[in-house]
Amino acid sequence: MDYANTAEEVEVVNDQGLKEEEMTDDDDIAAAANSRNEGASDNIMDNTEDFFDWEKIVHEAENGEDDSSSFDMEGVEEIPTDDELLDYVSDDESVFDVLVEGIEMKAKGYKPELPPRNELSEDSKALLFWRHEGEGKSFSDWKIKVEAETTEDCREENVTIYNVHRFALAMGPKKSGYFEALLQSDSYTENSDCMSTVKLPKEVAKQFPDFLDYLYAQPLESKFVINFDNWKSMKYLANYFLVPRLTEAVADFIEKDMEYYNLGHMENYISEFHRDISDDMSRRILPKAVLICAELLQSIEVDSPLLMSIPPLMFRSIIMRVCVHNHQEALHTCTLVAAYLEHNVEDRLVFSIYFCDNVLFSLFGDLHKSEETTIELALTWFRLMTKKGWTFEYRDEPCFWGIEMVKEALADILRDYLRSKTPSLEMMERIVRDTPSDIVAKCFRDSVDEARTLREREAKESEDD
């Protein structure tokens, strides 16, 4: 939903240079206002799912090459196929540049110190004239009747009338394009009653007082009204009432809030914005979400709601930006990747040759291969690959060599473990059960060759003596 999407409108620039729209005559202006009520039943959560060019968008965000405010949907290319994705990832050198730079992961449980919460000053509170109606001092010249939408399960009527002021709604740097058009129209029927009626989702209607506070407060402090509890409703209301300054303020709040590494908040943002990647705010928020998730990766658990909320291409982009420094970081990262693949991804092409061949192979190389935790991880990956059917009969099949490289890295883990440990009978049974037969056969053959070489060496030493 965009703040300038009313039908049959022409563009006009407001005081801040932000585009709003106006009708060519009063009847059209009234139609624009009425259309808001008709569209109020739209769900806050847009269910649209689309392809997001993570590598390009994140790279642009990291290097300051993207201007989200000028994003033009008419210039968007068609959604690429999986084969085109593989070609893009393997050919775009910028991906390798970002990977080399890496992301420094924060220690597990890392939490930066939160600053004091900003609140409206007494001067700003004094400007909230709409709240003074009970004192008989508001001098209100307009009313807004907010009807909270009901569901089949709840028929309860919920109507609230707010006494407001036209100048606060339709003038100034935070003005509402909706009310500006409405109040300029003499033909709009509700003008005679000095009251407009809007229908809002129940949760949004609860936050309408915060929306009014934002409009009335001093411009430099109005952003303090936005918080994690109301940001989604404020975003909705900004789009509904055409307040571009509020849309910008919500985006600023989210970007700042992500820097405090709250897993629950990150899950909320990703779940909201990955549903419609054509939206300007999504293109602004999601690239930063990739970098923040990469930094806090060690704090994400395998059963975390955040992990399961990340779309596949975004998850790949996160892992490709991680730079591990020790066995524990590599172990946790590989475990997360396995858990994610098991629950979220059915199409192996989402994870390109480059991802399998370079990223996973290097992660496995950072593991201490003689430890019990490492062999447990290897067996987990073997079971995953069998479950997903990631075995190929033809060498020209996409991802063949990537998966083969991963299998070889897992086979190295198994061989090193068997050389350094004397496995229990239970562990040997698990190894035989979970490991692909070709790898088991190769390990057996290698052990026979090593035993033969050892016997020959011992025989030669005895002859020399």
Protein backbone atom coordinates (compact mmCIF):
# COMPACT_ATOMS: atom_id res chain seq x y z
CA MET A 1 0.00 0.00 0.00
CA ASP A 2 1.51 3.38 -1.00
CA TYR A 3 0.74 6.84 0.31
CA ALA A 4 -0.23 8.02 -3.17
CA ASN A 5 -2.42 5.35 -4.71
CA THR A 6 -5.96 6.79 -5.00
CA ALA A 7 -7.56 6.15 -8.40
CA GLU A 8 -7.81 8.87 -11.07
CA GLU A 9 -5.51 11.32 -9.25
CA VAL A 10 -2.84 13.67 -10.58
CA GLU A 11 0.42 14.41 -8.76
CA VAL A 12 1.02 17.52 -6.68
CA VAL A 13 4.08 18.27 -4.52
CA ASN A 14 3.51 19.20 -0.85
CA ASP A 15 5.62 21.55 1.29
CA GLN A 16 8.32 18.94 1.86
CA GLY A 17 8.69 18.03 -1.78
CA LEU A 18 6.97 14.69 -1.20
CA LYS A 19 4.44 13.60 -3.76
CA GLU A 20 0.77 13.59 -2.90
CA GLU A 21 -2.17 13.64 -5.32
CA GLU A 22 -5.23 15.75 -5.95
CA MET A 23 -8.38 15.37 -7.99
CA THR A 24 -9.27 17.51 -10.93
CA ASP A 25 -12.61 18.51 -9.41
CA ASP A 26 -14.49 18.41 -6.11
CA ASP A 27 -16.43 15.26 -6.98
CA ASP A 28 -13.23 13.36 -7.56
CA ILE A 29 -11.81 14.61 -4.24
CA ALA A 30 -14.86 13.33 -2.44
CA ALA A 31 -14.52 10.01 -4.23
CA ALA A 32 -10.93 9.79 -3.01
CA ALA A 33 -12.00 10.25 0.59
CA ASN A 34 -14.82 7.73 0.25
CA SER A 35 -12.48 5.18 -1.30
CA ARG A 36 -10.48 5.11 1.94
CA ASN A 37 -13.49 3.88 3.89
CA GLU A 38 -14.18 1.23 1.29
CA GLY A 39 -10.59 0.01 1.44
CA ALA A 40 -10.27 0.04 5.22
CA SER A 41 -11.01 -3.64 5.54
CA ASP A 42 -7.74 -4.57 3.89
CA ASN A 43 -5.64 -6.72 6.19
CA ILE A 44 -2.58 -5.01 7.69
CA MET A 45 -0.43 -7.95 6.66
CA ASP A 46 -0.05 -8.10 2.89
CA ASN A 47 0.05 -11.74 1.83
CA THR A 48 1.92 -11.03 -1.40
CA GLU A 49 5.04 -13.17 -1.79
CA ASP A 50 7.61 -12.31 -4.42
CA PHE A 51 11.24 -12.86 -5.37
CA PHE A 52 13.74 -10.54 -3.71
CA ASP A 53 17.12 -9.94 -5.37
CA TRP A 54 18.98 -10.19 -2.07
CA GLU A 55 22.54 -10.14 -3.41
CA LYS A 56 22.05 -6.98 -5.45
CA ILE A 57 19.90 -5.09 -2.95
CA VAL A 58 22.12 -5.82 0.07
CA HIS A 59 25.25 -5.00 -1.89
CA GLU A 60 23.74 -1.66 -2.94
CA ALA A 61 22.73 -0.89 0.64
CA GLU A 62 26.19 -1.74 1.99
CA ASN A 63 27.91 0.45 -0.59
CA GLY A 64 25.46 3.34 -0.58
CA GLU A 65 24.35 2.73 -4.15
CA ASP A 66 20.64 2.40 -3.52
CA ASP A 67 18.16 5.25 -3.23
CA SER A 68 15.01 3.63 -1.94
CA SER A 69 13.07 6.87 -2.07
CA SER A 70 13.34 6.92 -5.87
CA PHE A 71 12.39 3.30 -6.40
CA ASP A 72 10.30 2.92 -9.54
CA MET A 73 8.23 -0.24 -9.93
CA GLU A 74 8.00 0.30 -13.68
CA GLY A 75 11.70 -0.44 -13.94
CA VAL A 76 11.59 -3.75 -12.08
CA GLU A 77 12.70 -6.71 -14.14
CA GLU A 78 10.70 -9.89 -14.43
CA ILE A 79 11.20 -12.46 -11.70
CA PRO A 80 14.25 -14.56 -12.64
CA THR A 81 14.14 -18.31 -12.82
CA ASP A 82 16.25 -20.55 -10.58
CA ASP A 83 18.73 -21.12 -13.41
CA GLU A 84 19.10 -17.36 -13.92
CA LEU A 85 19.66 -16.99 -10.18
CA LEU A 86 22.50 -19.51 -10.32
CA ASP A 87 24.12 -17.63 -13.21
CA TYR A 88 23.76 -14.32 -11.41
CA VAL A 89 25.29 -15.50 -8.15
CA SER A 90 28.25 -17.15 -9.86
CA ASP A 91 28.97 -14.22 -12.23
CA ASP A 92 28.50 -11.13 -10.04
CA GLU A 93 31.90 -10.32 -8.51
CA SER A 94 30.31 -7.93 -6.04
CA VAL A 95 29.00 -10.94 -4.15
CA PHE A 96 32.54 -12.17 -3.57
CA ASP A 97 33.67 -8.71 -2.43
CA VAL A 98 30.96 -8.61 0.24
CA LEU A 99 31.77 -12.15 1.35
CA VAL A 100 35.48 -11.39 1.77
CA GLU A 101 34.67 -8.41 3.98
CA GLY A 102 32.49 -10.60 6.18
CA ILE A 103 30.38 -9.67 9.17
CA GLU A 104 31.74 -9.73 12.69
CA MET A 105 29.28 -11.82 14.67
CA LYS A 106 28.38 -10.70 18.16
CA ALA A 107 28.88 -13.11 21.04
CA LYS A 108 25.90 -15.22 22.00
CA GLY A 109 23.48 -13.24 24.16
CA TYR A 110 25.03 -9.90 23.20
CA LYS A 111 22.82 -6.96 24.18
CA PRO A 112 23.87 -3.32 23.74
CA GLU A 113 22.88 -0.89 26.44
CA LEU A 114 19.51 0.66 25.67
CA PRO A 115 19.34 4.46 25.78
CA PRO A 116 16.66 6.22 27.85
CA ARG A 117 13.33 6.28 26.06
CA ASN A 118 12.55 9.63 24.43
CA GLU A 119 9.25 11.20 25.44
CA LEU A 120 7.31 14.26 24.41
CA SER A 121 8.32 17.43 26.19
CA GLU A 122 5.82 19.44 28.18
CA ASP A 123 5.64 21.93 25.30
CA SER A 124 4.66 19.15 22.89
CA LYS A 125 2.12 17.74 25.32
CA ALA A 126 0.59 21.20 25.60
CA LEU A 127 0.01 21.14 21.82
CA LEU A 128 -2.15 18.01 21.98
CA PHE A 129 -5.28 20.14 21.85
CA TRP A 130 -7.49 17.24 20.85
CA ARG A 131 -6.92 15.73 24.31
CA HIS A 132 -8.24 18.87 26.03
CA GLU A 133 -11.87 18.42 25.00
CA GLY A 134 -12.84 17.14 28.43
CA GLU A 135 -11.58 20.38 29.91
CA GLY A 136 -13.69 22.45 27.51
CA LYS A 137 -10.59 24.07 26.01
CA SER A 138 -10.07 22.31 22.72
CA PHE A 139 -11.97 24.74 20.41
CA SER A 140 -12.50 21.77 18.10
CA ASP A 141 -13.84 22.50 14.60
CA TRP A 142 -14.00 18.92 13.26
CA LYS A 143 -14.81 15.42 14.44
CA ILE A 144 -13.47 12.05 13.38
CA LYS A 145 -15.69 9.04 13.96
CA VAL A 146 -13.55 5.89 14.09
CA GLU A 147 -15.38 2.60 13.68
CA ALA A 148 -13.34 -0.44 14.68
CA GLU A 149 -14.10 -3.33 12.36
CA THR A 150 -15.71 -6.35 13.95
CA THR A 151 -15.36 -10.03 13.11
CA GLU A 152 -17.88 -12.84 12.93
CA ASP A 153 -16.72 -14.01 16.35
CA CYS A 154 -17.06 -10.55 17.86
CA ARG A 155 -20.08 -8.44 16.95
CA GLU A 156 -19.33 -5.85 19.59
CA GLU A 157 -19.79 -2.27 18.32
CA ASN A 158 -16.77 -0.11 18.92
CA VAL A 159 -17.12 3.52 17.86
CA THR A 160 -15.05 6.44 19.13
CA ILE A 161 -15.48 10.10 18.22
CA TYR A 162 -12.44 12.39 18.39
CA ASN A 163 -12.74 16.18 18.53
CA VAL A 164 -9.96 17.52 16.36
CA HIS A 165 -8.80 20.64 14.49
CA ARG A 166 -8.63 21.16 10.77
CA PHE A 167 -5.32 23.03 10.86
CA ALA A 168 -3.60 20.09 12.61
CA LEU A 169 -4.97 17.59 10.10
CA ALA A 170 -4.47 19.40 6.82
CA MET A 171 -1.64 21.92 7.29
CA GLY A 172 2.03 21.93 8.15
CA PRO A 173 4.94 19.55 7.49
CA LYS A 174 3.04 16.53 8.84
CA LYS A 175 -0.27 17.22 7.14
CA SER A 176 -2.52 14.43 5.94
CA GLY A 177 -3.14 14.40 2.21
CA TYR A 178 -6.42 12.61 2.89
CA PHE A 179 -7.79 15.34 5.16
CA GLU A 180 -6.34 18.11 2.99
CA ALA A 181 -8.34 16.84 0.00
CA LEU A 182 -11.42 16.20 2.12
CA LEU A 183 -11.52 19.60 3.79
CA GLN A 184 -10.98 21.44 0.49
CA SER A 185 -14.00 19.75 -1.05
CA ASP A 186 -17.31 21.59 -0.64
CA SER A 187 -19.18 18.73 -2.28
CA TYR A 188 -18.25 16.10 0.28
CA THR A 189 -21.49 15.33 2.15
CA GLU A 190 -19.91 14.96 5.57
CA ASN A 191 -18.57 18.51 5.45
CA SER A 192 -22.00 19.78 6.43
CA ASP A 193 -21.77 17.79 9.66
CA CYS A 194 -18.13 18.75 10.27
CA MET A 195 -17.39 15.06 10.88
CA SER A 196 -15.73 12.32 8.86
CA THR A 197 -16.19 8.61 9.46
CA VAL A 198 -13.46 6.01 8.94
CA LYS A 199 -13.43 2.27 9.40
CA LEU A 200 -10.20 0.76 10.68
CA PRO A 201 -9.03 -2.70 11.73
CA LYS A 202 -9.57 -3.17 15.44
CA GLU A 203 -5.88 -3.16 16.39
CA VAL A 204 -5.24 -0.07 14.29
CA ALA A 205 -8.22 1.76 15.78
CA LYS A 206 -6.71 1.27 19.24
CA GLN A 207 -3.62 3.22 18.16
CA PHE A 208 -5.51 6.11 16.55
CA PRO A 209 -4.84 8.40 19.56
CA ASP A 210 -1.09 7.93 18.96
CA PHE A 211 -1.64 8.95 15.34
CA LEU A 212 -3.31 12.17 16.47
CA ASP A 213 -0.51 12.81 18.96
CA TYR A 214 1.97 12.50 16.09
CA LEU A 215 0.10 15.09 14.01
CA TYR A 216 -0.22 17.57 16.89
CA ALA A 217 3.22 17.29 18.55
CA GLN A 218 6.17 19.50 17.67
CA PRO A 219 7.80 18.30 14.40
CA LEU A 220 11.16 17.48 16.01
CA GLU A 221 9.53 15.44 18.79
CA SER A 222 6.61 13.78 17.03
CA LYS A 223 8.76 10.76 16.18
CA PHE A 224 8.92 9.97 19.92
CA VAL A 225 5.30 8.82 19.68
CA ILE A 226 6.36 5.79 17.60
CA ASN A 227 7.33 2.61 19.49
CA PHE A 228 7.46 -1.14 18.94
CA ASP A 229 3.88 -1.60 20.14
CA ASN A 230 2.38 0.81 17.63
CA TRP A 231 4.77 0.97 14.65
CA LYS A 232 2.72 -1.37 12.50
CA SER A 233 -0.49 0.56 13.10
CA MET A 234 1.29 3.87 12.53
CA LYS A 235 2.61 2.56 9.21
CA TYR A 236 -0.92 1.55 8.25
CA LEU A 237 -2.36 4.92 9.25
CA ALA A 238 0.38 6.80 7.41
CA ASN A 239 -0.58 4.99 4.21
CA TYR A 240 -4.30 5.30 4.88
CA PHE A 241 -4.30 9.04 5.58
CA LEU A 242 -1.44 9.93 3.18
CA VAL A 243 1.13 11.19 5.68
CA PRO A 244 4.54 10.64 4.01
CA ARG A 245 6.45 12.21 6.91
CA LEU A 246 5.02 9.55 9.25
CA THR A 247 5.99 6.78 6.84
CA GLU A 248 9.57 8.08 6.95
CA ALA A 249 9.49 8.33 10.75
CA VAL A 250 8.34 4.71 11.08
CA ALA A 251 11.18 3.53 8.84
CA ASP A 252 13.67 5.55 10.89
CA PHE A 253 12.36 3.98 14.10
CA ILE A 254 12.66 0.43 12.75
CA GLU A 255 16.21 0.95 11.49
CA LYS A 256 17.28 2.31 14.87
CA ASP A 257 15.44 -0.39 16.82
CA MET A 258 17.12 -3.18 14.84
CA GLU A 259 20.49 -2.00 16.14
CA TYR A 260 19.54 -3.22 19.63
CA TYR A 261 19.58 -6.87 18.48
CA ASN A 262 16.21 -7.91 19.87
CA LEU A 263 15.37 -11.31 18.33
CA GLY A 264 11.64 -10.91 18.85
CA HIS A 265 11.61 -7.51 17.19
CA MET A 266 13.66 -8.77 14.24
CA GLU A 267 11.21 -11.64 13.68
CA ASN A 268 8.34 -9.15 13.66
CA TYR A 269 10.00 -6.87 11.11
CA ILE A 270 11.03 -9.65 8.75
CA SER A 271 7.61 -11.32 8.89
CA GLU A 272 5.99 -8.00 7.98
CA PHE A 273 8.26 -6.71 5.24
CA HIS A 274 9.22 -9.81 3.25
CA ARG A 275 5.59 -10.27 2.21
CA ASP A 276 5.71 -7.39 -0.28
CA ILE A 277 9.19 -6.59 -1.52
CA SER A 278 7.93 -4.04 -4.06
CA ASP A 279 7.11 -1.66 -1.21
CA ASP A 280 9.65 1.15 -0.75
CA MET A 281 9.93 0.56 2.99
CA SER A 282 10.57 -3.16 2.47
CA ARG A 283 13.44 -2.35 0.13
CA ARG A 284 14.85 -0.05 2.80
CA ILE A 285 14.40 -2.29 5.85
CA LEU A 286 15.22 -5.78 4.56
CA PRO A 287 18.85 -5.17 3.48
CA LYS A 288 19.69 -3.88 6.95
CA ALA A 289 17.83 -6.84 8.47
CA VAL A 290 20.21 -9.14 6.56
CA LEU A 291 23.26 -7.50 8.13
CA ILE A 292 21.78 -7.40 11.64
CA CYS A 293 20.78 -11.08 11.48
CA ALA A 294 24.30 -11.97 10.36
CA GLU A 295 25.75 -10.11 13.34
CA LEU A 296 23.46 -11.77 15.89
CA LEU A 297 23.59 -15.23 14.32
CA GLN A 298 25.21 -16.83 17.38
CA SER A 299 22.17 -15.84 19.47
CA ILE A 300 19.65 -17.45 17.09
CA GLU A 301 18.61 -20.94 18.19
CA VAL A 302 17.47 -23.76 15.89
CA ASP A 303 13.88 -23.51 17.19
CA SER A 304 13.80 -19.70 17.11
CA PRO A 305 10.72 -18.10 15.50
CA LEU A 306 13.13 -15.64 13.90
CA LEU A 307 14.96 -18.42 12.06
CA MET A 308 11.74 -19.82 10.64
CA SER A 309 10.47 -16.38 9.58
CA ILE A 310 13.40 -15.69 7.23
CA PRO A 311 12.67 -16.35 3.53
CA PRO A 312 15.16 -18.71 1.79
CA LEU A 313 17.02 -16.21 -0.38
CA MET A 314 17.40 -13.85 2.55
CA PHE A 315 18.78 -16.66 4.71
CA ARG A 316 21.34 -17.53 2.06
CA SER A 317 22.37 -13.88 1.90
CA ILE A 318 22.80 -13.82 5.69
CA ILE A 319 25.01 -16.92 5.81
CA MET A 320 27.14 -15.69 2.90
CA ARG A 321 28.05 -12.61 4.95
CA VAL A 322 29.11 -14.47 8.08
CA CYS A 323 32.79 -14.73 8.98
CA VAL A 324 33.53 -17.38 11.64
CA HIS A 325 36.70 -17.44 13.74
CA ASN A 326 36.53 -20.63 15.76
CA HIS A 327 35.08 -24.11 16.05
CA GLN A 328 32.10 -23.04 18.18
CA GLU A 329 30.97 -20.34 15.76
CA ALA A 330 31.31 -22.69 12.79
CA LEU A 331 29.47 -25.48 14.61
CA HIS A 332 26.54 -23.23 15.53
CA THR A 333 26.33 -21.77 12.02
CA CYS A 334 26.35 -25.20 10.34
CA THR A 335 23.72 -26.44 12.79
CA LEU A 336 21.48 -23.46 12.01
CA VAL A 337 21.83 -24.02 8.28
CA ALA A 338 20.85 -27.68 8.64
CA ALA A 339 17.84 -26.83 10.82
CA TYR A 340 16.72 -24.16 8.37
CA LEU A 341 17.06 -26.39 5.31
CA GLU A 342 15.13 -29.17 7.00
CA HIS A 343 12.11 -27.01 7.84
CA ASN A 344 12.05 -24.29 5.18
CA VAL A 345 13.57 -25.30 1.88
CA GLU A 346 12.42 -27.98 -0.53
CA ASP A 347 13.98 -26.60 -3.71
CA ARG A 348 17.74 -27.23 -3.68
CA LEU A 349 18.24 -24.62 -6.42
CA VAL A 350 17.55 -21.83 -3.94
CA PHE A 351 20.96 -22.65 -2.49
CA SER A 352 23.29 -22.05 -5.38
CA ILE A 353 26.48 -23.79 -6.37
CA TYR A 354 28.44 -20.93 -4.88
CA PHE A 355 26.65 -21.26 -1.54
CA CYS A 356 27.26 -25.00 -1.30
CA ASP A 357 30.73 -25.05 -2.82
CA ASN A 358 32.32 -22.11 -1.03
CA VAL A 359 30.32 -21.09 2.02
CA LEU A 360 29.37 -24.49 3.44
CA PHE A 361 32.69 -26.08 2.48
CA SER A 362 34.63 -23.34 4.28
CA LEU A 363 32.37 -23.59 7.34
CA PHE A 364 32.99 -27.33 7.59
CA GLY A 365 36.71 -26.64 7.28
CA ASP A 366 36.64 -24.57 10.49
CA LEU A 367 35.33 -27.46 12.59
CA HIS A 368 37.46 -29.59 14.92
CA LYS A 369 36.90 -32.89 13.17
CA SER A 370 37.84 -35.11 16.09
CA GLU A 371 35.16 -33.82 18.47
CA GLU A 372 31.92 -35.66 19.19
CA THR A 373 29.86 -32.56 18.39
CA THR A 374 31.34 -32.45 14.90
CA ILE A 375 30.48 -36.04 14.02
CA GLU A 376 26.97 -35.44 15.38
CA LEU A 377 26.67 -32.49 13.01
CA ALA A 378 27.97 -34.54 10.09
CA LEU A 379 25.38 -37.25 10.72
CA THR A 380 22.68 -34.58 10.89
CA TRP A 381 23.74 -33.30 7.48
CA PHE A 382 23.84 -36.80 6.01
CA ARG A 383 20.27 -37.43 7.19
CA LEU A 384 19.19 -34.06 5.80
CA MET A 385 20.64 -34.72 2.36
CA THR A 386 18.98 -38.13 2.25
CA LYS A 387 15.65 -36.68 3.36
CA LYS A 388 15.77 -33.94 0.73
CA GLY A 389 16.88 -36.33 -1.99
CA TRP A 390 19.97 -34.29 -2.74
CA THR A 391 21.69 -37.01 -4.73
CA PHE A 392 22.02 -36.86 -8.51
CA GLU A 393 22.48 -39.37 -11.28
CA TYR A 394 23.78 -36.90 -13.84
CA ARG A 395 26.81 -34.69 -13.40
CA ASP A 396 25.32 -31.88 -15.50
CA GLU A 397 22.39 -31.46 -13.07
CA PRO A 398 22.36 -28.05 -11.33
CA CYS A 399 24.16 -27.96 -7.98
CA PHE A 400 25.78 -31.39 -8.59
CA TRP A 401 29.31 -30.25 -7.88
CA GLY A 402 28.25 -28.04 -4.98
CA ILE A 403 26.52 -30.90 -3.22
CA GLU A 404 29.41 -33.22 -4.04
CA MET A 405 31.82 -30.80 -2.39
CA VAL A 406 29.66 -30.74 0.72
CA LYS A 407 29.53 -34.54 0.76
CA GLU A 408 33.30 -34.70 0.46
CA ALA A 409 33.73 -32.26 3.36
CA LEU A 410 31.40 -34.40 5.48
CA ALA A 411 33.31 -37.54 4.45
CA ASP A 412 36.55 -35.89 5.63
CA ILE A 413 34.93 -35.22 9.02
CA LEU A 414 33.91 -38.86 9.27
CA ARG A 415 37.34 -40.18 8.26
CA ASP A 416 39.19 -37.93 10.73
CA TYR A 417 36.81 -38.91 13.50
CA LEU A 418 37.30 -42.63 12.88
CA ARG A 419 41.08 -42.19 12.82
CA SER A 420 41.17 -40.32 16.12
CA LYS A 421 38.47 -42.15 18.08
CA THR A 422 37.40 -45.63 18.99
CA PRO A 423 33.64 -45.32 18.41
CA SER A 424 31.20 -47.19 20.59
CA LEU A 425 29.02 -49.88 19.05
CA GLU A 426 26.05 -47.48 19.18
CA MET A 427 27.97 -44.77 17.34
CA MET A 428 29.14 -47.21 14.68
CA GLU A 429 25.53 -48.30 14.12
CA ARG A 430 24.48 -44.66 13.70
CA ILE A 431 27.32 -43.98 11.29
CA VAL A 432 26.39 -46.94 9.12
CA ARG A 433 22.68 -46.09 9.26
CA ASP A 434 22.90 -42.35 8.52
CA THR A 435 25.91 -42.09 6.19
CA PRO A 436 25.43 -42.62 2.43
CA SER A 437 26.57 -46.10 1.38
CA ASP A 438 29.20 -44.80 -1.05
CA ILE A 439 30.91 -42.83 1.73
CA VAL A 440 30.76 -45.80 4.13
CA ALA A 441 32.29 -48.02 1.44
CA LYS A 442 35.03 -45.50 0.77
CA CYS A 443 35.84 -45.19 4.48
CA PHE A 444 36.01 -48.97 4.74
CA ARG A 445 38.28 -49.20 1.70
CA ASP A 446 40.57 -46.46 3.06
CA SER A 447 40.78 -48.18 6.43
CA VAL A 448 41.70 -51.47 4.75
CA ASP A 449 44.39 -49.73 2.69
CA GLU A 450 45.75 -48.00 5.80
CA ALA A 451 45.79 -51.30 7.71
CA ARG A 452 47.63 -53.01 4.85
CA THR A 453 50.19 -50.18 4.68
CA LEU A 454 50.68 -50.39 8.44
CA ARG A 455 51.24 -54.18 8.34
CA GLU A 456 53.72 -53.84 5.49
CA ARG A 457 55.63 -51.15 7.40
CA GLU A 458 55.73 -53.30 10.54
CA ALA A 459 56.90 -56.31 8.50
CA LYS A 460 59.66 -54.30 6.89
CA GLU A 461 60.80 -52.94 10.25
CA SER A 462 60.97 -56.45 11.68
CA GLU A 463 63.08 -57.62 8.70
CA ASP A 464 65.48 -54.72 9.18
CA ASP A 465 65.91 -55.65 12.82
